[in-house]
Amino acid sequence: GTNNQATINYNSSVQGLKEKVSQSDSPDKEDMEKIVSLLEMVVNNQVPPSKGLFSKFSEVMERHSWLSNSVSAAILSWLTTKIL
């Protein structure tokens, strides 16, 4: 069904994001890893999503738009599986 496909999509998105961050030489790498870790906990239902959850990382996400785009896409894909 569509839920399985969506699950694969957000899990592969998180995995791809982990790989991209691990290859980064940015001075923000440690915070980027924390963002991905937090994202992973959200999509694995270990941390409840809440307003402002990623707000302490806003400056890092502003400097790395590819990161914020990837996080947004993974969350949207994850939410889609919750709604269906």
C-alpha atoms as a PDB file:
ATOM      1  CA  GLY A   1       0.000   0.000   0.000  1.00  0.00           C
ATOM      2  CA  THR A   2       0.960   3.656  -0.003  1.00  0.00           C
ATOM      3  CA  ASN A   3       1.955   3.656   3.675  1.00  0.00           C
ATOM      4  CA  ASN A   4       4.836   1.265   3.016  1.00  0.00           C
ATOM      5  CA  GLN A   5       6.120   3.422   0.183  1.00  0.00           C
ATOM      6  CA  ALA A   6       5.922   6.582   2.286  1.00  0.00           C
ATOM      7  CA  THR A   7       7.747   4.853   5.144  1.00  0.00           C
ATOM      8  CA  ILE A   8      10.541   3.865   2.810  1.00  0.00           C
ATOM      9  CA  ASN A   9      10.699   7.425   1.483  1.00  0.00           C
ATOM     10  CA  TYR A  10      11.149   9.174   4.810  1.00  0.00           C
ATOM     11  CA  ASN A  11      13.494   6.498   6.159  1.00  0.00           C
ATOM     12  CA  SER A  12      15.656   6.726   3.057  1.00  0.00           C
ATOM     13  CA  SER A  13      15.512  10.528   3.282  1.00  0.00           C
ATOM     14  CA  VAL A  14      16.806  10.410   6.851  1.00  0.00           C
ATOM     15  CA  GLN A  15      19.514   7.921   5.914  1.00  0.00           C
ATOM     16  CA  GLY A  16      20.600  10.032   2.938  1.00  0.00           C
ATOM     17  CA  LEU A  17      20.667  13.108   5.136  1.00  0.00           C
ATOM     18  CA  LYS A  18      22.851  11.315   7.713  1.00  0.00           C
ATOM     19  CA  GLU A  19      25.306  10.400   4.975  1.00  0.00           C
ATOM     20  CA  LYS A  20      25.407  13.911   3.544  1.00  0.00           C
ATOM     21  CA  VAL A  21      26.017  15.447   6.975  1.00  0.00           C
ATOM     22  CA  SER A  22      28.720  12.895   7.811  1.00  0.00           C
ATOM     23  CA  GLN A  23      30.569  13.912   4.626  1.00  0.00           C
ATOM     24  CA  SER A  24      30.247  17.615   5.395  1.00  0.00           C
ATOM     25  CA  ASP A  25      33.240  19.646   6.468  1.00  0.00           C
ATOM     26  CA  SER A  26      31.082  22.487   7.774  1.00  0.00           C
ATOM     27  CA  PRO A  27      31.899  24.060  11.129  1.00  0.00           C
ATOM     28  CA  ASP A  28      28.200  23.409  11.900  1.00  0.00           C
ATOM     29  CA  LYS A  29      28.609  19.660  11.487  1.00  0.00           C
ATOM     30  CA  GLU A  30      27.960  18.836  15.152  1.00  0.00           C
ATOM     31  CA  ASP A  31      24.681  20.788  15.169  1.00  0.00           C
ATOM     32  CA  MET A  32      23.735  19.301  11.807  1.00  0.00           C
ATOM     33  CA  GLU A  33      24.205  15.831  13.290  1.00  0.00           C
ATOM     34  CA  LYS A  34      21.985  16.817  16.225  1.00  0.00           C
ATOM     35  CA  ILE A  35      19.294  17.995  13.803  1.00  0.00           C
ATOM     36  CA  VAL A  36      19.373  14.703  11.917  1.00  0.00           C
ATOM     37  CA  SER A  37      19.330  12.758  15.175  1.00  0.00           C
ATOM     38  CA  LEU A  38      16.308  14.729  16.368  1.00  0.00           C
ATOM     39  CA  LEU A  39      14.585  14.201  13.034  1.00  0.00           C
ATOM     40  CA  GLU A  40      15.251  10.477  13.260  1.00  0.00           C
ATOM     41  CA  MET A  41      13.761  10.346  16.771  1.00  0.00           C
ATOM     42  CA  VAL A  42      10.643  12.166  15.552  1.00  0.00           C
ATOM     43  CA  VAL A  43      10.006   9.868  12.588  1.00  0.00           C
ATOM     44  CA  ASN A  44      10.668   6.812  14.790  1.00  0.00           C
ATOM     45  CA  ASN A  45       8.087   8.083  17.299  1.00  0.00           C
ATOM     46  CA  GLN A  46      10.670   8.469  20.074  1.00  0.00           C
ATOM     47  CA  VAL A  47      10.109  12.226  20.406  1.00  0.00           C
ATOM     48  CA  PRO A  48       6.697  13.808  19.871  1.00  0.00           C
ATOM     49  CA  PRO A  49       6.649  16.509  17.215  1.00  0.00           C
ATOM     50  CA  SER A  50       5.933  19.885  18.699  1.00  0.00           C
ATOM     51  CA  LYS A  51       5.968  23.502  17.695  1.00  0.00           C
ATOM     52  CA  GLY A  52       9.476  24.921  17.866  1.00  0.00           C
ATOM     53  CA  LEU A  53      11.183  21.528  18.168  1.00  0.00           C
ATOM     54  CA  PHE A  54      13.952  22.539  15.755  1.00  0.00           C
ATOM     55  CA  SER A  55      13.939  26.256  16.642  1.00  0.00           C
ATOM     56  CA  LYS A  56      17.236  26.188  18.535  1.00  0.00           C
ATOM     57  CA  PHE A  57      18.851  25.140  15.250  1.00  0.00           C
ATOM     58  CA  SER A  58      17.291  27.911  13.167  1.00  0.00           C
ATOM     59  CA  GLU A  59      20.583  29.680  12.432  1.00  0.00           C
ATOM     60  CA  VAL A  60      22.238  26.459  11.266  1.00  0.00           C
ATOM     61  CA  MET A  61      19.243  25.622   9.097  1.00  0.00           C
ATOM     62  CA  GLU A  62      19.296  29.114   7.602  1.00  0.00           C
ATOM     63  CA  ARG A  63      22.967  28.746   6.678  1.00  0.00           C
ATOM     64  CA  HIS A  64      22.348  25.318   5.136  1.00  0.00           C
ATOM     65  CA  SER A  65      19.125  25.533   3.157  1.00  0.00           C
ATOM     66  CA  TRP A  66      19.665  22.035   1.741  1.00  0.00           C
ATOM     67  CA  LEU A  67      19.416  20.747   5.314  1.00  0.00           C
ATOM     68  CA  SER A  68      16.197  22.563   6.130  1.00  0.00           C
ATOM     69  CA  ASN A  69      14.691  21.442   2.808  1.00  0.00           C
ATOM     70  CA  SER A  70      15.614  17.822   3.524  1.00  0.00           C
ATOM     71  CA  VAL A  71      14.291  17.951   7.083  1.00  0.00           C
ATOM     72  CA  SER A  72      11.036  19.493   5.852  1.00  0.00           C
ATOM     73  CA  ALA A  73      10.621  16.863   3.152  1.00  0.00           C
ATOM     74  CA  ALA A  74      11.228  13.991   5.593  1.00  0.00           C
ATOM     75  CA  ILE A  75       8.759  15.418   8.111  1.00  0.00           C
ATOM     76  CA  LEU A  76       6.134  15.951   5.427  1.00  0.00           C
ATOM     77  CA  SER A  77       6.581  12.393   4.174  1.00  0.00           C
ATOM     78  CA  TRP A  78       6.347  11.075   7.742  1.00  0.00           C
ATOM     79  CA  LEU A  79       3.229  13.135   8.469  1.00  0.00           C
ATOM     80  CA  THR A  80       1.616  11.817   5.307  1.00  0.00           C
ATOM     81  CA  THR A  81       1.871   8.274   6.681  1.00  0.00           C
ATOM     82  CA  LYS A  82       0.204   9.428   9.908  1.00  0.00           C
ATOM     83  CA  ILE A  83      -2.732  11.038   8.120  1.00  0.00           C
ATOM     84  CA  LEU A  84      -3.479   8.131   5.784  1.00  0.00           C
END
